[in-house]
PDB file of N, CA and C in Angstrom:
ATOM      1  N   MET A   1      10.149   3.447  16.187  1.00  0.00           N
ATOM      2  CA  MET A   1      10.822   2.365  15.358  1.00  0.00           C
ATOM      3  C   MET A   1      10.384   2.619  13.757  1.00  0.00           C
ATOM      4  N   PRO A   2      10.733   2.611  12.325  1.00  0.00           N
ATOM      5  CA  PRO A   2      10.383   2.730  11.360  1.00  0.00           C
ATOM      6  C   PRO A   2       9.621   1.632  11.204  1.00  0.00           C
ATOM      7  N   ALA A   3       8.409   1.664  10.292  1.00  0.00           N
ATOM      8  CA  ALA A   3       7.609   0.539   9.837  1.00  0.00           C
ATOM      9  C   ALA A   3       7.324   0.263   8.090  1.00  0.00           C
ATOM     10  N   LEU A   4       6.792  -0.554   8.024  1.00  0.00           N
ATOM     11  CA  LEU A   4       6.512  -1.006   6.629  1.00  0.00           C
ATOM     12  C   LEU A   4       5.530  -1.124   6.431  1.00  0.00           C
ATOM     13  N   TRP A   5       4.693  -0.823   5.053  1.00  0.00           N
ATOM     14  CA  TRP A   5       3.604  -1.097   4.870  1.00  0.00           C
ATOM     15  C   TRP A   5       3.727  -1.931   3.665  1.00  0.00           C
ATOM     16  N   ILE A   6       2.963  -3.096   3.844  1.00  0.00           N
ATOM     17  CA  ILE A   6       3.099  -4.494   2.942  1.00  0.00           C
ATOM     18  C   ILE A   6       2.268  -4.445   2.189  1.00  0.00           C
ATOM     19  N   ALA A   7       1.510  -4.181   0.843  1.00  0.00           N
ATOM     20  CA  ALA A   7       0.339  -4.849   0.099  1.00  0.00           C
ATOM     21  C   ALA A   7       0.133  -5.472  -0.915  1.00  0.00           C
ATOM     22  N   HIS A   8      -0.127  -6.742  -0.902  1.00  0.00           N
ATOM     23  CA  HIS A   8      -0.256  -7.554  -2.169  1.00  0.00           C
ATOM     24  C   HIS A   8      -1.286  -7.666  -2.240  1.00  0.00           C
ATOM     25  N   VAL A   9      -1.520  -7.221  -3.835  1.00  0.00           N
ATOM     26  CA  VAL A   9      -2.568  -6.755  -4.881  1.00  0.00           C
ATOM     27  C   VAL A   9      -2.628  -7.883  -6.150  1.00  0.00           C
ATOM     28  N   THR A  10      -4.054  -8.137  -6.103  1.00  0.00           N
ATOM     29  CA  THR A  10      -4.473  -8.418  -7.715  1.00  0.00           C
ATOM     30  C   THR A  10      -5.588  -7.106  -8.180  1.00  0.00           C
ATOM     31  N   VAL A  11      -5.504  -7.312  -9.316  1.00  0.00           N
ATOM     32  CA  VAL A  11      -6.152  -5.896 -10.089  1.00  0.00           C
ATOM     33  C   VAL A  11      -6.753  -6.083 -10.847  1.00  0.00           C
ATOM     34  N   THR A  12      -8.133  -6.029 -10.405  1.00  0.00           N
ATOM     35  CA  THR A  12      -9.187  -6.343 -11.125  1.00  0.00           C
ATOM     36  C   THR A  12     -10.229  -5.401 -12.350  1.00  0.00           C
ATOM     37  N   ASP A  13      -9.561  -4.440 -11.982  1.00  0.00           N
ATOM     38  CA  ASP A  13     -10.614  -3.001 -12.876  1.00  0.00           C
ATOM     39  C   ASP A  13      -9.179  -2.101 -12.591  1.00  0.00           C
ATOM     40  N   ALA A  14      -8.322  -1.899 -13.985  1.00  0.00           N
ATOM     41  CA  ALA A  14      -7.105  -1.352 -13.925  1.00  0.00           C
ATOM     42  C   ALA A  14      -7.680   0.095 -13.758  1.00  0.00           C
ATOM     43  N   GLU A  15      -8.205   0.691 -14.762  1.00  0.00           N
ATOM     44  CA  GLU A  15      -9.165   1.888 -14.725  1.00  0.00           C
ATOM     45  C   GLU A  15      -9.223   2.254 -13.325  1.00  0.00           C
ATOM     46  N   ALA A  16      -9.935   2.014 -12.441  1.00  0.00           N
ATOM     47  CA  ALA A  16     -10.280   2.381 -11.130  1.00  0.00           C
ATOM     48  C   ALA A  16      -8.839   2.150 -10.231  1.00  0.00           C
ATOM     49  N   TYR A  17      -8.237   1.320 -10.454  1.00  0.00           N
ATOM     50  CA  TYR A  17      -7.046   1.367  -9.645  1.00  0.00           C
ATOM     51  C   TYR A  17      -6.293   1.989  -9.843  1.00  0.00           C
ATOM     52  N   GLY A  18      -5.744   2.369 -11.000  1.00  0.00           N
ATOM     53  CA  GLY A  18      -4.810   3.871 -11.347  1.00  0.00           C
ATOM     54  C   GLY A  18      -5.441   4.944 -10.794  1.00  0.00           C
ATOM     55  N   ARG A  19      -6.665   4.926 -10.437  1.00  0.00           N
ATOM     56  CA  ARG A  19      -7.050   6.521 -10.119  1.00  0.00           C
ATOM     57  C   ARG A  19      -7.088   6.284  -8.214  1.00  0.00           C
ATOM     58  N   TYR A  20      -7.379   5.211  -7.276  1.00  0.00           N
ATOM     59  CA  TYR A  20      -6.178   4.950  -6.698  1.00  0.00           C
ATOM     60  C   TYR A  20      -4.917   4.863  -6.267  1.00  0.00           C
ATOM     61  N   ALA A  21      -4.287   4.697  -7.172  1.00  0.00           N
ATOM     62  CA  ALA A  21      -3.274   4.247  -7.028  1.00  0.00           C
ATOM     63  C   ALA A  21      -2.424   5.952  -6.872  1.00  0.00           C
ATOM     64  N   GLU A  22      -3.051   6.816  -8.085  1.00  0.00           N
ATOM     65  CA  GLU A  22      -2.702   8.128  -8.485  1.00  0.00           C
ATOM     66  C   GLU A  22      -2.860   9.384  -6.996  1.00  0.00           C
ATOM     67  N   ARG A  23      -4.084   8.557  -6.331  1.00  0.00           N
ATOM     68  CA  ARG A  23      -4.187   9.316  -5.364  1.00  0.00           C
ATOM     69  C   ARG A  23      -3.775   8.692  -3.792  1.00  0.00           C
ATOM     70  N   ALA A  24      -3.256   7.785  -4.012  1.00  0.00           N
ATOM     71  CA  ALA A  24      -2.573   6.670  -2.633  1.00  0.00           C
ATOM     72  C   ALA A  24      -1.443   7.205  -2.550  1.00  0.00           C
ATOM     73  N   GLY A  25      -0.652   7.477  -3.670  1.00  0.00           N
ATOM     74  CA  GLY A  25       0.697   8.331  -3.348  1.00  0.00           C
ATOM     75  C   GLY A  25       1.168   9.626  -2.769  1.00  0.00           C
ATOM     76  N   PRO A  26       0.275  10.621  -2.818  1.00  0.00           N
ATOM     77  CA  PRO A  26       0.462  11.683  -2.219  1.00  0.00           C
ATOM     78  C   PRO A  26       0.118  11.343  -0.856  1.00  0.00           C
ATOM     79  N   ALA A  27      -1.449  10.800  -0.622  1.00  0.00           N
ATOM     80  CA  ALA A  27      -1.433  10.669   0.665  1.00  0.00           C
ATOM     81  C   ALA A  27      -0.328  10.096   1.429  1.00  0.00           C
ATOM     82  N   ILE A  28       0.108   8.995   1.109  1.00  0.00           N
ATOM     83  CA  ILE A  28       1.310   8.625   2.323  1.00  0.00           C
ATOM     84  C   ILE A  28       2.325   9.034   1.917  1.00  0.00           C
ATOM     85  N   ALA A  29       2.402  10.119   1.310  1.00  0.00           N
ATOM     86  CA  ALA A  29       4.107  10.671   1.364  1.00  0.00           C
ATOM     87  C   ALA A  29       3.623  12.093   2.306  1.00  0.00           C
ATOM     88  N   ARG A  30       2.290  12.198   2.100  1.00  0.00           N
ATOM     89  CA  ARG A  30       2.140  13.688   3.415  1.00  0.00           C
ATOM     90  C   ARG A  30       1.950  13.098   4.982  1.00  0.00           C
ATOM     91  N   HIS A  31       2.351  11.560   5.093  1.00  0.00           N
ATOM     92  CA  HIS A  31       2.321  10.911   6.573  1.00  0.00           C
ATOM     93  C   HIS A  31       3.815  10.362   6.542  1.00  0.00           C
ATOM     94  N   GLY A  32       4.639  11.221   5.913  1.00  0.00           N
ATOM     95  CA  GLY A  32       5.760  10.797   5.981  1.00  0.00           C
ATOM     96  C   GLY A  32       6.495   9.135   5.494  1.00  0.00           C
ATOM     97  N   GLY A  33       5.524   9.011   4.547  1.00  0.00           N
ATOM     98  CA  GLY A  33       5.995   7.427   4.193  1.00  0.00           C
ATOM     99  C   GLY A  33       6.615   7.666   2.572  1.00  0.00           C
ATOM    100  N   HIS A  34       7.360   6.590   2.221  1.00  0.00           N
ATOM    101  CA  HIS A  34       7.509   6.945   0.648  1.00  0.00           C
ATOM    102  C   HIS A  34       8.036   5.166   0.147  1.00  0.00           C
ATOM    103  N   PHE A  35       7.587   4.944  -0.785  1.00  0.00           N
ATOM    104  CA  PHE A  35       7.786   3.595  -1.705  1.00  0.00           C
ATOM    105  C   PHE A  35       9.118   3.131  -1.631  1.00  0.00           C
ATOM    106  N   ILE A  36       9.575   1.678  -1.309  1.00  0.00           N
ATOM    107  CA  ILE A  36      10.710   1.244  -1.497  1.00  0.00           C
ATOM    108  C   ILE A  36      10.383   0.218  -2.482  1.00  0.00           C
ATOM    109  N   ALA A  37       9.909  -0.099  -2.814  1.00  0.00           N
ATOM    110  CA  ALA A  37       9.235  -1.535  -3.695  1.00  0.00           C
ATOM    111  C   ALA A  37       7.553  -1.400  -4.577  1.00  0.00           C
ATOM    112  N   ARG A  38       7.858  -0.689  -5.788  1.00  0.00           N
ATOM    113  CA  ARG A  38       6.012  -0.796  -5.823  1.00  0.00           C
ATOM    114  C   ARG A  38       6.102  -1.520  -7.629  1.00  0.00           C
ATOM    115  N   ALA A  39       5.680  -2.876  -7.443  1.00  0.00           N
ATOM    116  CA  ALA A  39       4.884  -3.593  -8.570  1.00  0.00           C
ATOM    117  C   ALA A  39       6.693  -4.057  -8.844  1.00  0.00           C
ATOM    118  N   GLY A  40       7.340  -4.170  -9.015  1.00  0.00           N
ATOM    119  CA  GLY A  40       8.867  -4.924  -9.251  1.00  0.00           C
ATOM    120  C   GLY A  40       8.485  -6.170  -9.580  1.00  0.00           C
ATOM    121  N   ARG A  41       9.581  -6.481  -9.863  1.00  0.00           N
ATOM    122  CA  ARG A  41       9.882  -8.401 -10.171  1.00  0.00           C
ATOM    123  C   ARG A  41       9.725  -8.911  -8.606  1.00  0.00           C
ATOM    124  N   TYR A  42       9.112  -9.959  -8.561  1.00  0.00           N
ATOM    125  CA  TYR A  42       9.129 -10.208  -7.681  1.00  0.00           C
ATOM    126  C   TYR A  42       9.219 -11.951  -7.411  1.00  0.00           C
ATOM    127  N   VAL A  43       9.594 -12.939  -6.537  1.00  0.00           N
ATOM    128  CA  VAL A  43       9.667 -14.652  -6.780  1.00  0.00           C
ATOM    129  C   VAL A  43       8.646 -14.589  -5.543  1.00  0.00           C
ATOM    130  N   GLN A  44       7.130 -15.861  -6.066  1.00  0.00           N
ATOM    131  CA  GLN A  44       6.377 -16.242  -5.111  1.00  0.00           C
ATOM    132  C   GLN A  44       6.931 -17.299  -4.276  1.00  0.00           C
ATOM    133  N   LEU A  45       7.178 -17.929  -3.715  1.00  0.00           N
ATOM    134  CA  LEU A  45       7.574 -18.693  -2.646  1.00  0.00           C
ATOM    135  C   LEU A  45       6.743 -19.788  -1.902  1.00  0.00           C
ATOM    136  N   GLU A  46       5.365 -18.996  -1.126  1.00  0.00           N
ATOM    137  CA  GLU A  46       4.685 -19.596  -0.456  1.00  0.00           C
ATOM    138  C   GLU A  46       2.922 -18.891  -0.767  1.00  0.00           C
ATOM    139  N   GLY A  47       2.379 -19.173  -0.252  1.00  0.00           N
ATOM    140  CA  GLY A  47       1.049 -18.487   0.107  1.00  0.00           C
ATOM    141  C   GLY A  47       0.571 -18.090  -1.476  1.00  0.00           C
ATOM    142  N   THR A  48      -0.575 -17.036  -1.401  1.00  0.00           N
ATOM    143  CA  THR A  48      -1.519 -16.219  -2.209  1.00  0.00           C
ATOM    144  C   THR A  48      -0.513 -15.533  -3.545  1.00  0.00           C
ATOM    145  N   ASP A  49      -0.784 -15.969  -4.461  1.00  0.00           N
ATOM    146  CA  ASP A  49      -0.095 -15.155  -5.600  1.00  0.00           C
ATOM    147  C   ASP A  49      -0.708 -14.222  -5.815  1.00  0.00           C
ATOM    148  N   ARG A  50       0.017 -12.742  -5.367  1.00  0.00           N
ATOM    149  CA  ARG A  50      -0.614 -11.684  -6.160  1.00  0.00           C
ATOM    150  C   ARG A  50       0.226 -10.909  -6.744  1.00  0.00           C
ATOM    151  N   PRO A  51      -0.101 -10.684  -8.339  1.00  0.00           N
ATOM    152  CA  PRO A  51       1.182  -9.870  -9.024  1.00  0.00           C
ATOM    153  C   PRO A  51       1.765  -8.644  -8.623  1.00  0.00           C
ATOM    154  N   ARG A  52       1.092  -8.116  -7.934  1.00  0.00           N
ATOM    155  CA  ARG A  52       1.614  -6.292  -7.513  1.00  0.00           C
ATOM    156  C   ARG A  52       1.765  -6.358  -6.313  1.00  0.00           C
ATOM    157  N   ASN A  53       2.699  -6.235  -5.947  1.00  0.00           N
ATOM    158  CA  ASN A  53       3.724  -6.018  -4.572  1.00  0.00           C
ATOM    159  C   ASN A  53       3.809  -5.265  -4.293  1.00  0.00           C
ATOM    160  N   VAL A  54       3.650  -4.047  -2.986  1.00  0.00           N
ATOM    161  CA  VAL A  54       4.159  -2.912  -2.737  1.00  0.00           C
ATOM    162  C   VAL A  54       4.766  -3.052  -1.570  1.00  0.00           C
ATOM    163  N   VAL A  55       5.575  -1.974  -0.998  1.00  0.00           N
ATOM    164  CA  VAL A  55       6.252  -1.465   0.446  1.00  0.00           C
ATOM    165  C   VAL A  55       6.271  -0.443   0.459  1.00  0.00           C
ATOM    166  N   ALA A  56       6.214   0.241   1.473  1.00  0.00           N
ATOM    167  CA  ALA A  56       6.080   1.720   1.547  1.00  0.00           C
ATOM    168  C   ALA A  56       6.931   2.070   2.965  1.00  0.00           C
ATOM    169  N   LYS A  57       7.968   2.623   3.606  1.00  0.00           N
ATOM    170  CA  LYS A  57       8.515   2.558   4.424  1.00  0.00           C
ATOM    171  C   LYS A  57       7.921   4.209   5.186  1.00  0.00           C
ATOM    172  N   PHE A  58       8.181   3.968   6.592  1.00  0.00           N
ATOM    173  CA  PHE A  58       6.650   4.905   7.549  1.00  0.00           C
ATOM    174  C   PHE A  58       7.742   5.132   8.557  1.00  0.00           C
ATOM    175  N   PRO A  59       8.003   6.154   9.280  1.00  0.00           N
ATOM    176  CA  PRO A  59       8.323   6.311  10.366  1.00  0.00           C
ATOM    177  C   PRO A  59       8.088   5.892  11.745  1.00  0.00           C
ATOM    178  N   SER A  60       7.410   5.402  11.625  1.00  0.00           N
ATOM    179  CA  SER A  60       6.458   4.782  12.763  1.00  0.00           C
ATOM    180  C   SER A  60       4.942   3.910  12.424  1.00  0.00           C
ATOM    181  N   VAL A  61       4.906   2.651  12.691  1.00  0.00           N
ATOM    182  CA  VAL A  61       3.464   2.205  13.005  1.00  0.00           C
ATOM    183  C   VAL A  61       2.451   3.144  12.995  1.00  0.00           C
ATOM    184  N   GLU A  62       2.527   4.013  13.973  1.00  0.00           N
ATOM    185  CA  GLU A  62       1.340   4.828  14.245  1.00  0.00           C
ATOM    186  C   GLU A  62       1.527   5.464  13.043  1.00  0.00           C
ATOM    187  N   ALA A  63       2.304   6.349  12.390  1.00  0.00           N
ATOM    188  CA  ALA A  63       2.455   6.942  11.395  1.00  0.00           C
ATOM    189  C   ALA A  63       1.490   6.474   9.867  1.00  0.00           C
ATOM    190  N   ALA A  64       2.176   5.194   9.802  1.00  0.00           N
ATOM    191  CA  ALA A  64       1.197   4.048   8.919  1.00  0.00           C
ATOM    192  C   ALA A  64      -0.157   4.096   9.088  1.00  0.00           C
ATOM    193  N   GLU A  65      -0.363   3.868  10.324  1.00  0.00           N
ATOM    194  CA  GLU A  65      -1.712   3.489  10.639  1.00  0.00           C
ATOM    195  C   GLU A  65      -2.407   5.071  10.539  1.00  0.00           C
ATOM    196  N   ALA A  66      -1.966   5.663  10.713  1.00  0.00           N
ATOM    197  CA  ALA A  66      -2.591   7.131  10.991  1.00  0.00           C
ATOM    198  C   ALA A  66      -2.870   7.448   9.511  1.00  0.00           C
ATOM    199  N   CYS A  67      -2.076   7.291   8.696  1.00  0.00           N
ATOM    200  CA  CYS A  67      -2.180   7.562   6.983  1.00  0.00           C
ATOM    201  C   CYS A  67      -3.186   6.293   6.474  1.00  0.00           C
ATOM    202  N   TYR A  68      -3.078   5.151   6.555  1.00  0.00           N
ATOM    203  CA  TYR A  68      -4.260   4.563   6.561  1.00  0.00           C
ATOM    204  C   TYR A  68      -5.886   4.942   6.668  1.00  0.00           C
ATOM    205  N   HIS A  69      -6.019   5.447   8.175  1.00  0.00           N
ATOM    206  CA  HIS A  69      -7.322   6.045   8.131  1.00  0.00           C
ATOM    207  C   HIS A  69      -7.549   7.553   8.197  1.00  0.00           C
ATOM    208  N   SER A  70      -6.454   8.293   6.908  1.00  0.00           N
ATOM    209  CA  SER A  70      -6.665   9.381   6.922  1.00  0.00           C
ATOM    210  C   SER A  70      -7.620   9.434   5.843  1.00  0.00           C
ATOM    211  N   PRO A  71      -8.258  11.107   6.187  1.00  0.00           N
ATOM    212  CA  PRO A  71      -9.453  11.232   4.712  1.00  0.00           C
ATOM    213  C   PRO A  71      -8.946  11.050   3.200  1.00  0.00           C
ATOM    214  N   GLU A  72      -7.762  11.648   3.251  1.00  0.00           N
ATOM    215  CA  GLU A  72      -7.034  11.540   1.999  1.00  0.00           C
ATOM    216  C   GLU A  72      -6.690  10.051   1.407  1.00  0.00           C
ATOM    217  N   TYR A  73      -6.435   9.189   2.194  1.00  0.00           N
ATOM    218  CA  TYR A  73      -6.184   7.723   1.815  1.00  0.00           C
ATOM    219  C   TYR A  73      -7.246   7.387   1.683  1.00  0.00           C
ATOM    220  N   GLN A  74      -8.041   7.561   2.690  1.00  0.00           N
ATOM    221  CA  GLN A  74      -9.582   6.467   2.891  1.00  0.00           C
ATOM    222  C   GLN A  74     -10.219   7.265   1.434  1.00  0.00           C
ATOM    223  N   GLU A  75     -10.466   8.555   0.844  1.00  0.00           N
ATOM    224  CA  GLU A  75     -10.754   8.937  -0.509  1.00  0.00           C
ATOM    225  C   GLU A  75     -10.388   8.064  -1.619  1.00  0.00           C
ATOM    226  N   ALA A  76      -8.737   7.688  -1.288  1.00  0.00           N
ATOM    227  CA  ALA A  76      -8.220   6.858  -2.268  1.00  0.00           C
ATOM    228  C   ALA A  76      -8.557   5.779  -2.620  1.00  0.00           C
ATOM    229  N   LEU A  77      -8.778   5.193  -1.475  1.00  0.00           N
ATOM    230  CA  LEU A  77      -8.990   3.489  -0.897  1.00  0.00           C
ATOM    231  C   LEU A  77     -10.435   3.437  -1.506  1.00  0.00           C
ATOM    232  N   ALA A  78     -11.312   4.268  -1.489  1.00  0.00           N
ATOM    233  CA  ALA A  78     -12.451   4.072  -2.261  1.00  0.00           C
ATOM    234  C   ALA A  78     -12.537   3.695  -3.703  1.00  0.00           C
ATOM    235  N   HIS A  79     -11.578   3.704  -4.644  1.00  0.00           N
ATOM    236  CA  HIS A  79     -11.300   3.851  -5.954  1.00  0.00           C
ATOM    237  C   HIS A  79     -10.445   2.397  -5.675  1.00  0.00           C
ATOM    238  N   ALA A  80     -10.061   1.368  -5.171  1.00  0.00           N
ATOM    239  CA  ALA A  80      -9.427   0.651  -5.061  1.00  0.00           C
ATOM    240  C   ALA A  80     -10.574  -0.649  -4.920  1.00  0.00           C
ATOM    241  N   ARG A  81     -11.819  -0.092  -3.654  1.00  0.00           N
ATOM    242  CA  ARG A  81     -12.275  -1.191  -3.210  1.00  0.00           C
ATOM    243  C   ARG A  81     -13.506  -1.830  -4.692  1.00  0.00           C
ATOM    244  N   GLY A  82     -13.282  -2.648  -4.798  1.00  0.00           N
ATOM    245  CA  GLY A  82     -14.141  -3.571  -6.143  1.00  0.00           C
ATOM    246  C   GLY A  82     -13.213  -3.787  -7.286  1.00  0.00           C
ATOM    247  N   ALA A  83     -12.004  -3.088  -6.949  1.00  0.00           N
ATOM    248  CA  ALA A  83     -11.390  -3.042  -8.322  1.00  0.00           C
ATOM    249  C   ALA A  83     -10.029  -3.814  -8.287  1.00  0.00           C
ATOM    250  N   ALA A  84      -9.694  -4.595  -6.817  1.00  0.00           N
ATOM    251  CA  ALA A  84      -8.597  -5.192  -6.604  1.00  0.00           C
ATOM    252  C   ALA A  84      -8.950  -6.058  -5.531  1.00  0.00           C
ATOM    253  N   GLU A  85      -8.183  -7.203  -5.355  1.00  0.00           N
ATOM    254  CA  GLU A  85      -7.950  -7.919  -4.151  1.00  0.00           C
ATOM    255  C   GLU A  85      -7.068  -7.706  -3.501  1.00  0.00           C
ATOM    256  N   ARG A  86      -7.100  -7.231  -2.023  1.00  0.00           N
ATOM    257  CA  ARG A  86      -5.314  -6.979  -1.640  1.00  0.00           C
ATOM    258  C   ARG A  86      -5.528  -7.047  -0.285  1.00  0.00           C
ATOM    259  N   GLU A  87      -4.218  -7.489   0.114  1.00  0.00           N
ATOM    260  CA  GLU A  87      -4.127  -7.786   1.708  1.00  0.00           C
ATOM    261  C   GLU A  87      -2.724  -6.719   2.054  1.00  0.00           C
ATOM    262  N   LEU A  88      -2.893  -5.990   3.373  1.00  0.00           N
ATOM    263  CA  LEU A  88      -2.137  -5.254   3.991  1.00  0.00           C
ATOM    264  C   LEU A  88      -1.772  -5.269   5.370  1.00  0.00           C
ATOM    265  N   VAL A  89      -0.512  -4.899   5.305  1.00  0.00           N
ATOM    266  CA  VAL A  89      -0.208  -5.342   6.645  1.00  0.00           C
ATOM    267  C   VAL A  89       1.070  -4.354   7.000  1.00  0.00           C
ATOM    268  N   ILE A  90       1.085  -3.671   8.191  1.00  0.00           N
ATOM    269  CA  ILE A  90       1.718  -2.728   8.892  1.00  0.00           C
ATOM    270  C   ILE A  90       3.193  -3.510   9.815  1.00  0.00           C
ATOM    271  N   VAL A  91       3.702  -3.441   9.396  1.00  0.00           N
ATOM    272  CA  VAL A  91       5.061  -4.318   9.918  1.00  0.00           C
ATOM    273  C   VAL A  91       6.215  -3.275  10.911  1.00  0.00           C
ATOM    274  N   GLU A  92       6.574  -3.352  11.828  1.00  0.00           N
ATOM    275  CA  GLU A  92       7.606  -2.554  12.742  1.00  0.00           C
ATOM    276  C   GLU A  92       8.699  -2.995  11.923  1.00  0.00           C
ATOM    277  N   THR A  93      10.145  -2.603  11.782  1.00  0.00           N
ATOM    278  CA  THR A  93      10.943  -3.124  11.438  1.00  0.00           C
ATOM    279  C   THR A  93      12.041  -3.097  12.876  1.00  0.00           C
ATOM    280  N   THR A  94      13.009  -3.579  12.470  1.00  0.00           N
ATOM    281  CA  THR A  94      14.231  -3.674  13.444  1.00  0.00           C
ATOM    282  C   THR A  94      15.209  -3.048  13.353  1.00  0.00           C
ATOM    283  N   GLU A  95      15.152  -1.840  12.677  1.00  0.00           N
ATOM    284  CA  GLU A  95      16.051  -0.669  12.295  1.00  0.00           C
ATOM    285  C   GLU A  95      15.933   0.217  12.721  1.00  0.00           C
TER     286      GLU A  95
END
């Protein structure tokens, strides 16, 4: 089943986070993921408001998790650490 990688982000260092974003996209694509929402308009109805919301679709939960743990994504993620407050979850879809 396909899976969604859902990130809610508050950027605290735009320059460093930009380096993360430049590297994360290609890493996600290498693992079969593609963005279906990326920092677009949103409405916060409940919970913590994070002004950057990103959703990527992967072929499976396993593909999304493999991407997260891959060396290329971890290299990208090193730029996000300390540059953002984030939550990230992988959710299997019903379609």
